[in-house]
Amino acid sequence: MSSPGFNQQALNKAMMEAVGFVHAEGWEAPPTLFALVPTALVVDQIDLDDDSAPLTLVVQDNLPDNIQPGSEELADYVSRIAWPHQVEGAVLAQEIMFKDTSSTDTEPRPARLFSGCLREEGLEQTVLQIRPTEQELADAGPFAEDDVQLRGGPNVAPGVVAALRYGLEQDPDDLL
């Protein structure tokens, strides 16, 4: 179970930090996986912009290059990670093709899917950032690329969240 203080608000804040990190990297990026660790564990070891956040993102640099976003291989890979007990949660960012069924636009559009969860049962979040078209960027002005618009909420990508959660439920000591 998560320690007191790791609630939905803490996850939401971590998710927004993940969105900012991935957005700064630009589009057409490979999937990015983050471990969420209590800031108290790392505050003395790294320079943090905001040490008031209860959770800190730790980028996992070891994702295989051949795993495609939105693929079964990615879900399988993520579900096989047995996170150490110090890791309170995980966030996966990946680019997908999204078809908005509430829109008159019939063509799928590139989007980023951010899914995260904490060890605490029920604490999860998924948000979607649809990539703006060239026309939308031109119409919106010079800073349009920095205008990140998100939609989503709980139960949006249950398979991704289930894969992340499964990895958090595994005991790494059992694998030794």
Protein backbone atom coordinates (compact mmCIF):
# COMPACT_ATOMS: atom_id res chain seq x y z
CA MET A 1 0.00 0.00 0.00
CA SER A 2 1.11 3.56 -0.57
CA SER A 3 2.20 5.77 2.23
CA PRO A 4 -0.14 8.49 3.47
CA GLY A 5 0.04 11.55 1.26
CA PHE A 6 0.17 9.68 -2.05
CA ASN A 7 -3.32 10.43 -3.23
CA GLN A 8 -5.03 11.30 -6.51
CA GLN A 9 -3.73 14.87 -6.30
CA ALA A 10 -0.14 13.61 -6.00
CA LEU A 11 -0.66 11.37 -9.04
CA ASN A 12 -2.26 14.20 -11.02
CA LYS A 13 0.71 16.48 -10.27
CA ALA A 14 3.15 13.77 -11.36
CA MET A 15 1.13 13.20 -14.53
CA MET A 16 1.33 16.91 -15.40
CA GLU A 17 5.10 16.81 -14.87
CA ALA A 18 5.29 13.82 -17.22
CA VAL A 19 3.23 15.72 -19.81
CA GLY A 20 5.61 18.69 -19.56
CA PHE A 21 8.69 16.48 -19.85
CA VAL A 22 7.44 14.56 -22.89
CA HIS A 23 6.04 17.70 -24.55
CA ALA A 24 9.47 19.34 -24.29
CA GLU A 25 10.97 16.36 -26.14
CA GLY A 26 8.73 16.98 -29.17
CA TRP A 27 6.49 14.76 -31.25
CA GLU A 28 7.46 11.47 -32.89
CA ALA A 29 9.21 10.24 -29.77
CA PRO A 30 9.47 6.67 -28.53
CA PRO A 31 7.46 5.59 -25.47
CA THR A 32 8.67 7.01 -22.16
CA LEU A 33 8.29 5.17 -18.87
CA PHE A 34 8.58 6.92 -15.52
CA ALA A 35 8.89 5.51 -12.02
CA LEU A 36 7.21 7.63 -9.34
CA VAL A 37 9.27 7.74 -6.17
CA PRO A 38 8.69 9.64 -2.95
CA THR A 39 10.48 12.98 -3.26
CA ALA A 40 11.80 12.50 0.28
CA LEU A 41 13.94 9.61 -1.00
CA VAL A 42 15.71 11.65 -3.68
CA VAL A 43 15.61 15.28 -2.53
CA ASP A 44 19.19 15.14 -1.20
CA GLN A 45 20.57 13.34 -4.25
CA ILE A 46 19.29 15.38 -7.20
CA ASP A 47 18.55 19.02 -7.92
CA LEU A 48 14.77 19.34 -7.97
CA ASP A 49 12.84 22.27 -9.39
CA ASP A 50 9.99 21.60 -6.97
CA ASP A 51 10.76 19.60 -3.85
CA SER A 52 7.25 20.28 -2.54
CA ALA A 53 5.79 17.63 -4.88
CA PRO A 54 5.23 14.39 -2.95
CA LEU A 55 6.33 12.25 -5.93
CA THR A 56 9.27 12.66 -8.29
CA LEU A 57 9.50 11.31 -11.84
CA VAL A 58 12.45 9.07 -12.63
CA VAL A 59 12.80 8.38 -16.36
CA GLN A 60 13.47 4.75 -17.20
CA ASP A 61 16.01 4.82 -20.04
CA ASN A 62 16.07 1.11 -20.73
CA LEU A 63 13.03 0.61 -22.96
CA PRO A 64 14.00 -1.44 -26.01
CA ASP A 65 14.12 0.63 -29.20
CA ASN A 66 12.13 -1.93 -31.20
CA ILE A 67 8.96 -1.72 -29.05
CA GLN A 68 6.31 0.31 -30.80
CA PRO A 69 3.83 2.57 -28.97
CA GLY A 70 0.38 1.08 -28.58
CA SER A 71 1.68 -2.42 -29.23
CA GLU A 72 1.08 -5.65 -27.33
CA GLU A 73 4.87 -5.88 -26.92
CA LEU A 74 4.92 -2.59 -25.02
CA ALA A 75 2.10 -3.70 -22.71
CA ASP A 76 3.85 -7.03 -22.17
CA TYR A 77 7.19 -5.32 -21.45
CA VAL A 78 5.67 -2.88 -18.96
CA SER A 79 3.76 -5.62 -17.16
CA ARG A 80 6.97 -7.63 -16.67
CA ILE A 81 8.72 -4.92 -14.69
CA ALA A 82 8.80 -5.73 -10.99
CA TRP A 83 9.25 -2.32 -9.41
CA PRO A 84 11.25 -2.00 -6.17
CA HIS A 85 9.23 -1.27 -3.04
CA GLN A 86 10.46 2.35 -3.05
CA VAL A 87 8.60 2.99 -6.31
CA GLU A 88 5.09 4.19 -5.48
CA GLY A 89 3.76 4.33 -9.01
CA ALA A 90 4.48 4.47 -12.72
CA VAL A 91 3.54 6.56 -15.75
CA LEU A 92 3.76 5.49 -19.38
CA ALA A 93 3.71 8.06 -22.18
CA GLN A 94 3.25 6.88 -25.74
CA GLU A 95 2.18 8.26 -29.09
CA ILE A 96 -0.88 6.65 -30.63
CA MET A 97 -3.39 7.25 -33.39
CA PHE A 98 -6.67 8.48 -31.91
CA LYS A 99 -10.07 8.65 -33.53
CA ASP A 100 -12.40 11.04 -31.76
CA THR A 101 -15.83 9.46 -31.97
CA SER A 102 -17.46 12.67 -30.73
CA SER A 103 -16.04 14.68 -33.64
CA THR A 104 -17.10 14.92 -37.28
CA ASP A 105 -13.46 14.29 -38.22
CA THR A 106 -13.34 10.69 -39.43
CA GLU A 107 -9.57 10.37 -39.73
CA PRO A 108 -7.46 9.19 -36.78
CA ARG A 109 -4.99 11.79 -35.51
CA PRO A 110 -1.65 11.46 -33.76
CA ALA A 111 -1.94 11.86 -30.01
CA ARG A 112 -0.01 11.22 -26.83
CA LEU A 113 -1.49 8.90 -24.26
CA PHE A 114 -0.30 9.32 -20.67
CA SER A 115 -1.37 6.57 -18.27
CA GLY A 116 -0.33 6.36 -14.66
CA CYS A 117 -1.21 4.63 -11.43
CA LEU A 118 -0.07 4.37 -7.84
CA ARG A 119 0.25 1.24 -5.76
CA GLU A 120 -2.83 2.40 -3.87
CA GLU A 121 -5.78 0.58 -5.42
CA GLY A 122 -7.98 2.81 -7.54
CA LEU A 123 -5.51 5.65 -7.90
CA GLU A 124 -5.02 5.98 -11.64
CA GLN A 125 -5.26 8.56 -14.38
CA THR A 126 -5.06 8.66 -18.16
CA VAL A 127 -4.91 11.81 -20.25
CA LEU A 128 -4.73 12.34 -23.98
CA GLN A 129 -3.02 15.15 -25.88
CA ILE A 130 -4.08 15.36 -29.51
CA ARG A 131 -1.40 16.64 -31.84
CA PRO A 132 -2.51 19.89 -33.46
CA THR A 133 -2.56 20.04 -37.24
CA GLU A 134 -0.39 22.48 -39.14
CA GLN A 135 -3.49 24.56 -39.86
CA GLU A 136 -4.48 24.64 -36.16
CA LEU A 137 -0.98 25.78 -35.26
CA ALA A 138 -1.01 28.48 -37.93
CA ASP A 139 -4.43 29.74 -36.82
CA ALA A 140 -3.50 29.85 -33.14
CA GLY A 141 -0.40 32.02 -33.40
CA PRO A 142 3.31 31.86 -32.54
CA PHE A 143 2.97 30.10 -29.18
CA ALA A 144 0.40 27.53 -30.24
CA GLU A 145 2.87 24.65 -29.89
CA ASP A 146 3.14 25.42 -26.16
CA ASP A 147 -0.61 25.27 -25.61
CA VAL A 148 -1.02 21.73 -24.26
CA GLN A 149 -4.65 20.66 -24.17
CA LEU A 150 -5.50 17.44 -22.37
CA ARG A 151 -8.59 15.32 -22.10
CA GLY A 152 -9.27 12.10 -20.31
CA GLY A 153 -9.72 10.79 -16.83
CA PRO A 154 -9.99 7.47 -15.06
CA ASN A 155 -10.82 4.25 -16.95
CA VAL A 156 -9.74 5.65 -20.34
CA ALA A 157 -7.01 3.09 -21.14
CA PRO A 158 -7.70 0.21 -18.75
CA GLY A 159 -5.30 -2.20 -20.48
CA VAL A 160 -2.35 0.16 -20.13
CA VAL A 161 -3.18 0.91 -16.51
CA ALA A 162 -3.59 -2.84 -15.81
CA ALA A 163 -0.12 -3.50 -17.25
CA LEU A 164 1.42 -0.75 -15.10
CA ARG A 165 -0.45 -1.93 -12.02
CA TYR A 166 0.58 -5.56 -12.56
CA GLY A 167 4.24 -4.52 -12.50
CA LEU A 168 3.68 -2.59 -9.27
CA GLU A 169 2.03 -5.63 -7.66
CA GLN A 170 4.99 -7.93 -8.32
CA ASP A 171 7.48 -8.48 -5.52
CA PRO A 172 11.01 -8.02 -6.94
CA ASP A 173 12.39 -10.15 -4.08
CA ASP A 174 10.46 -13.13 -5.45
CA LEU A 175 12.35 -12.87 -8.73
CA LEU A 176 15.79 -13.34 -7.20
